[in-house]
Structures are given as C-alpha cells and as structure tokens.
Amino acid sequence: MTPATAAIPVGRSAAYEDWRPPVVGVALLMPIGADCLVVADLHGLLMLPVGDIRTGQSPQEAAERILTSRDGLPPLRRVVVDQVQMRRRKVITHVLAPTAMTCSVVEGLAYRDPRATLRVMPTVHFIGEVWPKIRLRVVVGLQALATGEPAFTEGGVVRAAVREEIGS
C-alpha cells in the first residue's frame, strides 16, 4: 500500500445526527361514524389533512389553522406521535383526532390548501390507496381512538406511548 492510498479513509457511513432543528407537524385523523374518514384530495393524491406547527404553537392551535370551520373544530386529542430520524433532522408528526364527527360538521370545514378538497371516504378504501407511512398512522390512530390510549411510533415501529414522550 502506498502512502497516498493509505491516507484515504475507508468508506464509512456517517451517524445520523440532528444538525438542524426538528420538523414538527400535525395530521388530523377525523373519523365519521364507524367506517369513514375525512381526507384531503389534492387532484387524486389522498392524504390526511396536514400542516406544520410553528414555534410556540400547540398542536391544537396548528390544527385550527389547518382546518377552519364556521362553528369551530370539535375538541381534539392526540392519538399518535410519529417520529422518524432522517439523515440531518428528526421529523415529528402529532396525529390529532376529534371525539366525534358528523357529515354536517364536515360540510362547514375549509382546508388551508385551496387546491385540495375535503372528502368523506370509506376507511378501508383510503387505507388501500395511501402510502405505507400514512397507512401506519391511520391504523395506529384508529386503534388508539378505540382503546383510549395514545400510541408512539418511531421509525415505523409501534410502541405504547409514555406520557413524558408525547408531552401530555
């Protein structure tokens, strides 16, 4: 081995580090009855209504900025906290759900993105159409609604939430 090649480091992968502040967002899981969800349809791209949480803002305040209503949003509670460590920052998504929704409440909602429309869609159809990460949030969120206990996912792995971890 020559001295020039000895100085070249062997290909190592850099450890995941948070070089930048985390990205924190909120998603709204809004079931209608036992078998439907409110979804945002952006020209065929189906998703939960989502948005960012600004500095100093609570997830509930961010939810009110995502969906506006003439009568106000029903009370929301956190059902899932989803964390994913990306290469240079962590992405944290709080999934909030109302206690009860009806179709008449949905008619009065307006989504923050005017390109998207809110639709009521069968849950099974929505789960079959969305990306796996969103599917995991929906299924875990529905389970958390049914059990009454919030859940915590990290990197696609579901764990029971610890109150200190989700900031309750």
N, C-alpha and C. Protein backbone atom coordinates (compact mmCIF):
# COMPACT_ATOMS: atom_id res chain seq x y z
N MET A 1 0.85 -1.17 0.00
CA MET A 1 0.00 0.00 0.00
C MET A 1 0.89 1.24 0.00
N THR A 2 0.63 2.13 -0.90
CA THR A 2 1.42 3.35 -0.99
C THR A 2 0.92 4.35 0.04
N PRO A 3 1.76 5.30 0.43
CA PRO A 3 1.33 6.31 1.41
C PRO A 3 0.13 7.12 0.94
N ALA A 4 0.00 7.33 -0.37
CA ALA A 4 -1.13 8.12 -0.88
C ALA A 4 -2.45 7.38 -0.67
N THR A 5 -2.47 6.07 -0.88
CA THR A 5 -3.71 5.32 -0.71
C THR A 5 -3.98 4.99 0.75
N ALA A 6 -2.96 4.98 1.57
CA ALA A 6 -3.16 4.71 2.99
C ALA A 6 -3.90 5.85 3.68
N ALA A 7 -3.78 7.08 3.15
CA ALA A 7 -4.42 8.23 3.77
C ALA A 7 -5.89 8.35 3.42
N ILE A 8 -6.36 7.61 2.41
CA ILE A 8 -7.76 7.69 2.02
C ILE A 8 -8.59 6.87 3.01
N PRO A 9 -9.56 7.51 3.66
CA PRO A 9 -10.36 6.77 4.65
C PRO A 9 -11.24 5.73 3.97
N VAL A 10 -11.43 4.66 4.68
CA VAL A 10 -12.31 3.60 4.20
C VAL A 10 -13.73 4.12 4.23
N GLY A 11 -14.57 3.75 3.24
CA GLY A 11 -15.96 4.24 3.16
C GLY A 11 -16.74 3.93 4.42
N ARG A 12 -17.00 4.94 5.20
CA ARG A 12 -17.80 4.79 6.42
C ARG A 12 -19.07 5.59 6.25
N SER A 13 -20.10 5.12 6.85
CA SER A 13 -21.34 5.89 6.81
C SER A 13 -21.39 6.79 8.04
N ALA A 14 -21.82 8.01 7.82
CA ALA A 14 -21.93 8.96 8.92
C ALA A 14 -23.12 8.60 9.80
N ALA A 15 -22.95 8.80 11.07
CA ALA A 15 -24.05 8.53 12.01
C ALA A 15 -25.15 9.55 11.79
N TYR A 16 -26.38 9.14 12.07
CA TYR A 16 -27.49 10.07 11.97
C TYR A 16 -27.39 11.06 13.12
N GLU A 17 -27.38 12.32 12.78
CA GLU A 17 -27.28 13.37 13.78
C GLU A 17 -28.30 14.45 13.45
N ASP A 18 -28.77 15.11 14.48
CA ASP A 18 -29.69 16.22 14.28
C ASP A 18 -28.86 17.49 14.10
N TRP A 19 -28.58 17.82 12.86
CA TRP A 19 -27.81 19.02 12.57
C TRP A 19 -28.70 20.23 12.53
N ARG A 20 -29.97 20.03 12.29
CA ARG A 20 -30.93 21.12 12.20
C ARG A 20 -32.07 20.83 13.17
N PRO A 21 -32.84 21.86 13.52
CA PRO A 21 -33.98 21.63 14.42
C PRO A 21 -34.98 20.66 13.79
N PRO A 22 -35.75 19.96 14.59
CA PRO A 22 -36.71 19.01 14.03
C PRO A 22 -37.83 19.71 13.26
N VAL A 23 -38.40 18.99 12.32
CA VAL A 23 -39.60 19.44 11.62
C VAL A 23 -40.77 18.87 12.40
N VAL A 24 -41.67 19.72 12.86
CA VAL A 24 -42.80 19.26 13.66
C VAL A 24 -44.08 19.61 12.92
N GLY A 25 -44.93 18.59 12.74
CA GLY A 25 -46.18 18.80 12.03
C GLY A 25 -47.35 18.16 12.75
N VAL A 26 -48.52 18.38 12.19
CA VAL A 26 -49.74 17.82 12.76
C VAL A 26 -50.56 17.24 11.62
N ALA A 27 -51.18 16.09 11.87
CA ALA A 27 -52.10 15.46 10.93
C ALA A 27 -53.42 15.24 11.67
N LEU A 28 -54.53 15.40 10.94
CA LEU A 28 -55.84 15.25 11.55
C LEU A 28 -56.50 13.95 11.07
N LEU A 29 -56.78 13.07 12.01
CA LEU A 29 -57.49 11.82 11.75
C LEU A 29 -58.92 12.05 12.20
N MET A 30 -59.83 12.18 11.23
CA MET A 30 -61.20 12.57 11.55
C MET A 30 -62.18 11.51 11.08
N PRO A 31 -62.48 10.53 11.95
CA PRO A 31 -63.45 9.50 11.57
C PRO A 31 -64.88 10.02 11.59
N ILE A 32 -65.67 9.56 10.64
CA ILE A 32 -67.10 9.85 10.57
C ILE A 32 -67.80 8.51 10.78
N GLY A 33 -68.51 8.40 11.87
CA GLY A 33 -69.15 7.12 12.17
C GLY A 33 -68.11 6.04 12.39
N ALA A 34 -68.47 4.80 12.06
CA ALA A 34 -67.57 3.68 12.29
C ALA A 34 -66.76 3.29 11.07
N ASP A 35 -67.10 3.84 9.88
CA ASP A 35 -66.43 3.31 8.70
C ASP A 35 -65.95 4.34 7.69
N CYS A 36 -65.90 5.63 8.02
CA CYS A 36 -65.46 6.66 7.07
C CYS A 36 -64.46 7.62 7.71
N LEU A 37 -63.68 8.28 6.87
CA LEU A 37 -62.72 9.29 7.31
C LEU A 37 -62.85 10.54 6.46
N VAL A 38 -62.47 11.67 7.03
CA VAL A 38 -62.35 12.90 6.27
C VAL A 38 -60.93 12.93 5.71
N VAL A 39 -60.80 13.05 4.39
CA VAL A 39 -59.49 13.05 3.75
C VAL A 39 -59.36 14.29 2.86
N ALA A 40 -58.13 14.68 2.63
CA ALA A 40 -57.84 15.77 1.69
C ALA A 40 -57.47 15.14 0.36
N ASP A 41 -58.14 15.57 -0.70
CA ASP A 41 -57.89 15.06 -2.05
C ASP A 41 -57.25 16.18 -2.86
N LEU A 42 -55.96 16.02 -3.15
CA LEU A 42 -55.22 17.01 -3.92
C LEU A 42 -55.02 16.45 -5.33
N HIS A 43 -56.05 16.60 -6.15
CA HIS A 43 -56.02 16.12 -7.55
C HIS A 43 -55.62 14.65 -7.63
N GLY A 44 -56.25 13.81 -6.82
CA GLY A 44 -56.00 12.38 -6.84
C GLY A 44 -55.02 11.89 -5.79
N LEU A 45 -54.24 12.78 -5.18
CA LEU A 45 -53.34 12.42 -4.10
C LEU A 45 -54.13 12.49 -2.80
N LEU A 46 -54.38 11.34 -2.20
CA LEU A 46 -55.18 11.29 -0.97
C LEU A 46 -54.27 11.35 0.24
N MET A 47 -54.66 12.15 1.23
CA MET A 47 -53.87 12.27 2.45
C MET A 47 -54.75 12.76 3.59
N LEU A 48 -54.23 12.62 4.78
CA LEU A 48 -54.89 13.24 5.93
C LEU A 48 -54.65 14.74 5.85
N PRO A 49 -55.56 15.56 6.35
CA PRO A 49 -55.27 17.00 6.40
C PRO A 49 -54.05 17.23 7.30
N VAL A 50 -53.04 17.92 6.77
CA VAL A 50 -51.76 18.09 7.47
C VAL A 50 -51.32 19.54 7.43
N GLY A 51 -50.39 19.87 8.32
CA GLY A 51 -49.78 21.19 8.35
C GLY A 51 -48.62 21.21 9.33
N ASP A 52 -47.91 22.32 9.36
CA ASP A 52 -46.77 22.44 10.26
C ASP A 52 -47.19 23.10 11.57
N ILE A 53 -46.36 22.87 12.58
CA ILE A 53 -46.56 23.51 13.88
C ILE A 53 -45.46 24.55 14.01
N ARG A 54 -45.85 25.79 14.13
CA ARG A 54 -44.88 26.88 14.23
C ARG A 54 -44.34 26.99 15.65
N THR A 55 -43.22 27.64 15.80
CA THR A 55 -42.58 27.81 17.10
C THR A 55 -43.54 28.49 18.07
N GLY A 56 -43.67 27.90 19.25
CA GLY A 56 -44.55 28.45 20.28
C GLY A 56 -46.01 28.10 20.11
N GLN A 57 -46.34 27.30 19.11
CA GLN A 57 -47.73 26.95 18.83
C GLN A 57 -47.99 25.53 19.33
N SER A 58 -49.17 25.29 19.87
CA SER A 58 -49.54 23.94 20.29
C SER A 58 -50.10 23.19 19.09
N PRO A 59 -50.11 21.86 19.15
CA PRO A 59 -50.73 21.10 18.05
C PRO A 59 -52.20 21.47 17.81
N GLN A 60 -52.94 21.77 18.87
CA GLN A 60 -54.34 22.17 18.71
C GLN A 60 -54.47 23.49 17.95
N GLU A 61 -53.59 24.44 18.26
CA GLU A 61 -53.61 25.73 17.55
C GLU A 61 -53.26 25.53 16.08
N ALA A 62 -52.29 24.65 15.81
CA ALA A 62 -51.93 24.37 14.42
C ALA A 62 -53.09 23.70 13.69
N ALA A 63 -53.82 22.82 14.37
CA ALA A 63 -54.97 22.15 13.75
C ALA A 63 -56.04 23.16 13.36
N GLU A 64 -56.23 24.17 14.18
CA GLU A 64 -57.22 25.20 13.86
C GLU A 64 -56.79 26.04 12.66
N ARG A 65 -55.49 26.11 12.40
CA ARG A 65 -55.01 26.80 11.22
C ARG A 65 -55.14 25.93 9.97
N ILE A 66 -55.08 24.61 10.14
CA ILE A 66 -55.18 23.68 9.01
C ILE A 66 -56.62 23.60 8.52
N LEU A 67 -57.54 23.43 9.44
CA LEU A 67 -58.97 23.36 9.10
C LEU A 67 -59.70 24.47 9.83
N THR A 68 -60.42 25.26 9.08
CA THR A 68 -61.24 26.29 9.70
C THR A 68 -62.70 25.89 9.55
N SER A 69 -63.50 26.33 10.49
CA SER A 69 -64.91 25.98 10.48
C SER A 69 -65.72 27.17 10.96
N ARG A 70 -66.90 27.28 10.43
CA ARG A 70 -67.77 28.37 10.87
C ARG A 70 -68.21 28.17 12.32
N ASP A 71 -68.27 26.92 12.77
CA ASP A 71 -68.67 26.61 14.14
C ASP A 71 -67.49 26.25 15.03
N GLY A 72 -66.25 26.27 14.49
CA GLY A 72 -65.08 25.85 15.25
C GLY A 72 -64.90 24.34 15.18
N LEU A 73 -63.68 23.89 15.38
CA LEU A 73 -63.39 22.46 15.36
C LEU A 73 -63.87 21.81 16.64
N PRO A 74 -64.30 20.54 16.55
CA PRO A 74 -64.63 19.84 17.78
C PRO A 74 -63.37 19.64 18.62
N PRO A 75 -63.51 19.37 19.91
CA PRO A 75 -62.32 19.15 20.75
C PRO A 75 -61.45 18.03 20.17
N LEU A 76 -60.12 18.27 20.14
CA LEU A 76 -59.17 17.30 19.59
C LEU A 76 -58.31 16.72 20.69
N ARG A 77 -57.87 15.48 20.48
CA ARG A 77 -56.92 14.88 21.41
C ARG A 77 -55.85 14.17 20.60
N ARG A 78 -54.66 14.07 21.16
CA ARG A 78 -53.53 13.44 20.49
C ARG A 78 -53.69 11.93 20.58
N VAL A 79 -53.62 11.24 19.43
CA VAL A 79 -53.75 9.79 19.42
C VAL A 79 -52.45 9.09 19.05
N VAL A 80 -51.59 9.75 18.26
CA VAL A 80 -50.31 9.16 17.86
C VAL A 80 -49.27 10.26 17.78
N VAL A 81 -48.05 9.94 18.20
CA VAL A 81 -46.89 10.77 17.93
C VAL A 81 -45.95 9.90 17.11
N ASP A 82 -45.67 10.33 15.89
CA ASP A 82 -44.84 9.57 14.96
C ASP A 82 -43.52 10.30 14.78
N GLN A 83 -42.40 9.60 15.06
CA GLN A 83 -41.08 10.20 14.91
C GLN A 83 -40.27 9.39 13.91
N VAL A 84 -39.57 10.11 13.03
CA VAL A 84 -38.68 9.48 12.07
C VAL A 84 -37.38 10.26 12.08
N GLN A 85 -36.27 9.55 12.26
CA GLN A 85 -34.96 10.20 12.23
C GLN A 85 -34.45 10.19 10.80
N MET A 86 -34.36 11.36 10.21
CA MET A 86 -33.81 11.48 8.87
C MET A 86 -32.30 11.72 9.01
N ARG A 87 -31.63 11.88 7.91
CA ARG A 87 -30.17 11.99 7.95
C ARG A 87 -29.69 13.18 8.79
N ARG A 88 -30.31 14.33 8.65
CA ARG A 88 -29.83 15.52 9.36
C ARG A 88 -30.83 16.14 10.32
N ARG A 89 -32.02 15.59 10.39
CA ARG A 89 -33.01 16.13 11.33
C ARG A 89 -34.09 15.10 11.61
N LYS A 90 -34.78 15.32 12.70
CA LYS A 90 -35.88 14.47 13.10
C LYS A 90 -37.18 15.08 12.61
N VAL A 91 -38.12 14.23 12.17
CA VAL A 91 -39.44 14.67 11.74
C VAL A 91 -40.45 14.10 12.73
N ILE A 92 -41.21 14.98 13.38
CA ILE A 92 -42.18 14.57 14.39
C ILE A 92 -43.57 14.99 13.91
N THR A 93 -44.49 14.03 13.88
CA THR A 93 -45.86 14.32 13.47
C THR A 93 -46.80 13.94 14.59
N HIS A 94 -47.60 14.91 15.04
CA HIS A 94 -48.63 14.66 16.05
C HIS A 94 -49.93 14.39 15.28
N VAL A 95 -50.55 13.26 15.55
CA VAL A 95 -51.83 12.92 14.92
C VAL A 95 -52.91 13.21 15.95
N LEU A 96 -53.82 14.13 15.58
CA LEU A 96 -54.91 14.51 16.47
C LEU A 96 -56.21 14.01 15.90
N ALA A 97 -57.15 13.71 16.80
CA ALA A 97 -58.47 13.22 16.38
C ALA A 97 -59.54 13.86 17.25
N PRO A 98 -60.69 14.18 16.65
CA PRO A 98 -61.81 14.71 17.45
C PRO A 98 -62.53 13.58 18.16
N THR A 99 -63.31 13.95 19.16
CA THR A 99 -64.07 12.93 19.88
C THR A 99 -65.20 12.37 19.02
N ALA A 100 -65.89 13.21 18.28
CA ALA A 100 -66.98 12.73 17.42
C ALA A 100 -67.18 13.71 16.27
N MET A 101 -67.47 13.18 15.10
CA MET A 101 -67.70 14.00 13.91
C MET A 101 -68.94 13.48 13.18
N THR A 102 -69.62 14.39 12.51
CA THR A 102 -70.74 14.01 11.65
C THR A 102 -70.52 14.64 10.28
N CYS A 103 -71.24 14.16 9.30
CA CYS A 103 -71.13 14.71 7.94
C CYS A 103 -71.51 16.18 7.89
N SER A 104 -72.46 16.60 8.72
CA SER A 104 -72.87 18.01 8.72
C SER A 104 -71.74 18.92 9.20
N VAL A 105 -70.89 18.45 10.12
CA VAL A 105 -69.74 19.23 10.59
C VAL A 105 -68.72 19.36 9.46
N VAL A 106 -68.53 18.29 8.68
CA VAL A 106 -67.55 18.30 7.60
C VAL A 106 -67.93 19.31 6.52
N GLU A 107 -69.21 19.49 6.28
CA GLU A 107 -69.66 20.44 5.25
C GLU A 107 -69.23 21.87 5.58
N GLY A 108 -69.04 22.19 6.84
CA GLY A 108 -68.64 23.53 7.24
C GLY A 108 -67.14 23.73 7.37
N LEU A 109 -66.32 22.70 7.03
CA LEU A 109 -64.87 22.80 7.16
C LEU A 109 -64.23 23.33 5.88
N ALA A 110 -63.17 24.09 6.04
CA ALA A 110 -62.38 24.57 4.91
C ALA A 110 -60.92 24.21 5.17
N TYR A 111 -60.27 23.57 4.19
CA TYR A 111 -58.87 23.16 4.30
C TYR A 111 -57.97 24.33 3.92
N ARG A 112 -56.80 24.42 4.54
CA ARG A 112 -55.89 25.54 4.32
C ARG A 112 -55.36 25.62 2.89
N ASP A 113 -55.28 24.48 2.19
CA ASP A 113 -54.77 24.44 0.82
C ASP A 113 -55.96 24.49 -0.14
N PRO A 114 -56.14 25.60 -0.84
CA PRO A 114 -57.33 25.73 -1.70
C PRO A 114 -57.32 24.77 -2.89
N ARG A 115 -56.17 24.16 -3.20
CA ARG A 115 -56.12 23.20 -4.31
C ARG A 115 -56.73 21.86 -3.94
N ALA A 116 -56.82 21.57 -2.66
CA ALA A 116 -57.35 20.29 -2.19
C ALA A 116 -58.80 20.44 -1.76
N THR A 117 -59.54 19.35 -1.87
CA THR A 117 -60.91 19.33 -1.40
C THR A 117 -61.03 18.29 -0.30
N LEU A 118 -61.87 18.57 0.67
CA LEU A 118 -62.14 17.61 1.73
C LEU A 118 -63.22 16.65 1.27
N ARG A 119 -63.01 15.37 1.48
CA ARG A 119 -63.98 14.34 1.11
C ARG A 119 -64.19 13.41 2.28
N VAL A 120 -65.36 12.82 2.32
CA VAL A 120 -65.62 11.73 3.26
C VAL A 120 -65.48 10.45 2.46
N MET A 121 -64.60 9.56 2.93
CA MET A 121 -64.27 8.36 2.18
C MET A 121 -64.29 7.14 3.10
N PRO A 122 -64.71 5.98 2.60
CA PRO A 122 -64.65 4.77 3.43
C PRO A 122 -63.21 4.51 3.90
N THR A 123 -63.07 4.18 5.16
CA THR A 123 -61.75 3.98 5.76
C THR A 123 -60.97 2.90 5.02
N VAL A 124 -61.61 1.80 4.70
CA VAL A 124 -60.92 0.68 4.03
C VAL A 124 -60.38 1.13 2.67
N HIS A 125 -61.15 1.91 1.94
CA HIS A 125 -60.71 2.40 0.63
C HIS A 125 -59.51 3.34 0.79
N PHE A 126 -59.57 4.23 1.76
CA PHE A 126 -58.47 5.17 1.99
C PHE A 126 -57.20 4.44 2.38
N ILE A 127 -57.30 3.47 3.28
CA ILE A 127 -56.12 2.72 3.72
C ILE A 127 -55.48 1.98 2.55
N GLY A 128 -56.29 1.50 1.61
CA GLY A 128 -55.75 0.80 0.45
C GLY A 128 -55.09 1.73 -0.56
N GLU A 129 -55.36 3.03 -0.50
CA GLU A 129 -54.87 3.97 -1.50
C GLU A 129 -53.63 4.76 -1.07
N VAL A 130 -53.33 4.84 0.21
CA VAL A 130 -52.29 5.76 0.69
C VAL A 130 -50.95 5.07 0.85
N TRP A 131 -49.92 5.90 1.04
CA TRP A 131 -48.56 5.42 1.26
C TRP A 131 -48.50 4.64 2.57
N PRO A 132 -47.55 3.70 2.68
CA PRO A 132 -47.44 2.89 3.90
C PRO A 132 -47.25 3.70 5.18
N LYS A 133 -46.49 4.80 5.16
CA LYS A 133 -46.30 5.60 6.38
C LYS A 133 -47.62 6.20 6.85
N ILE A 134 -48.42 6.68 5.91
CA ILE A 134 -49.72 7.24 6.27
C ILE A 134 -50.65 6.13 6.74
N ARG A 135 -50.58 4.98 6.08
CA ARG A 135 -51.40 3.83 6.47
C ARG A 135 -51.12 3.46 7.91
N LEU A 136 -49.84 3.44 8.31
CA LEU A 136 -49.49 3.10 9.69
C LEU A 136 -50.08 4.12 10.66
N ARG A 137 -49.97 5.41 10.33
CA ARG A 137 -50.55 6.45 11.20
C ARG A 137 -52.05 6.27 11.36
N VAL A 138 -52.74 5.96 10.26
CA VAL A 138 -54.20 5.82 10.30
C VAL A 138 -54.58 4.60 11.15
N VAL A 139 -53.97 3.46 10.89
CA VAL A 139 -54.33 2.23 11.61
C VAL A 139 -54.01 2.36 13.09
N VAL A 140 -52.82 2.88 13.42
CA VAL A 140 -52.44 3.04 14.83
C VAL A 140 -53.33 4.10 15.48
N GLY A 141 -53.65 5.16 14.75
CA GLY A 141 -54.52 6.20 15.29
C GLY A 141 -55.93 5.70 15.58
N LEU A 142 -56.48 4.89 14.67
CA LEU A 142 -57.81 4.32 14.90
C LEU A 142 -57.79 3.36 16.09
N GLN A 143 -56.71 2.61 16.22
CA GLN A 143 -56.59 1.72 17.37
C GLN A 143 -56.50 2.53 18.67
N ALA A 144 -55.74 3.62 18.64
CA ALA A 144 -55.62 4.47 19.83
C ALA A 144 -56.95 5.12 20.19
N LEU A 145 -57.73 5.50 19.17
CA LEU A 145 -59.07 6.02 19.44
C LEU A 145 -59.95 4.97 20.10
N ALA A 146 -59.85 3.73 19.63
CA ALA A 146 -60.68 2.65 20.17
C ALA A 146 -60.29 2.29 21.60
N THR A 147 -59.00 2.31 21.90
CA THR A 147 -58.55 1.92 23.23
C THR A 147 -58.52 3.08 24.22
N GLY A 148 -58.45 4.31 23.68
CA GLY A 148 -58.36 5.47 24.56
C GLY A 148 -56.96 5.79 25.02
N GLU A 149 -55.96 5.03 24.57
CA GLU A 149 -54.57 5.26 24.95
C GLU A 149 -53.77 5.73 23.75
N PRO A 150 -53.06 6.86 23.85
CA PRO A 150 -52.26 7.32 22.73
C PRO A 150 -51.10 6.36 22.45
N ALA A 151 -50.63 6.36 21.21
CA ALA A 151 -49.54 5.48 20.80
C ALA A 151 -48.35 6.32 20.35
N PHE A 152 -47.23 5.68 20.24
CA PHE A 152 -45.98 6.32 19.85
C PHE A 152 -45.32 5.44 18.81
N THR A 153 -44.98 5.99 17.64
CA THR A 153 -44.25 5.23 16.64
C THR A 153 -42.92 5.91 16.39
N GLU A 154 -41.90 5.11 16.21
CA GLU A 154 -40.58 5.65 15.92
C GLU A 154 -39.94 4.82 14.83
N GLY A 155 -39.73 5.45 13.69
CA GLY A 155 -39.12 4.76 12.56
C GLY A 155 -39.94 3.60 12.05
N GLY A 156 -41.27 3.70 12.13
CA GLY A 156 -42.14 2.64 11.64
C GLY A 156 -42.41 1.53 12.63
N VAL A 157 -41.90 1.66 13.86
CA VAL A 157 -42.11 0.67 14.91
C VAL A 157 -43.09 1.26 15.93
N VAL A 158 -44.13 0.51 16.24
CA VAL A 158 -45.18 0.99 17.15
C VAL A 158 -44.83 0.59 18.57
N ARG A 159 -44.94 1.58 19.47
CA ARG A 159 -44.74 1.32 20.90
C ARG A 159 -45.89 1.94 21.66
N ALA A 160 -46.13 1.47 22.84
CA ALA A 160 -47.10 2.13 23.71
C ALA A 160 -46.49 3.46 24.11
N ALA A 161 -47.27 4.49 24.12
CA ALA A 161 -46.75 5.83 24.43
C ALA A 161 -46.48 5.98 25.91
N VAL A 162 -45.40 6.63 26.22
CA VAL A 162 -45.08 7.02 27.58
C VAL A 162 -45.46 8.49 27.68
N ARG A 163 -46.18 8.87 28.69
CA ARG A 163 -46.72 10.22 28.80
C ARG A 163 -45.64 11.29 28.65
N GLU A 164 -44.43 11.08 29.16
CA GLU A 164 -43.38 12.07 29.04
C GLU A 164 -42.93 12.22 27.60
N GLU A 165 -42.97 11.14 26.82
CA GLU A 165 -42.51 11.18 25.44
C GLU A 165 -43.44 12.01 24.54
N ILE A 166 -44.74 11.96 24.81
CA ILE A 166 -45.66 12.66 23.93
C ILE A 166 -46.04 14.03 24.47
N GLY A 167 -45.48 14.40 25.60
CA GLY A 167 -45.71 15.75 26.10
C GLY A 167 -47.10 15.96 26.68
N SER A 168 -47.70 14.93 27.26
CA SER A 168 -49.04 15.08 27.84
C SER A 168 -48.96 15.69 29.21
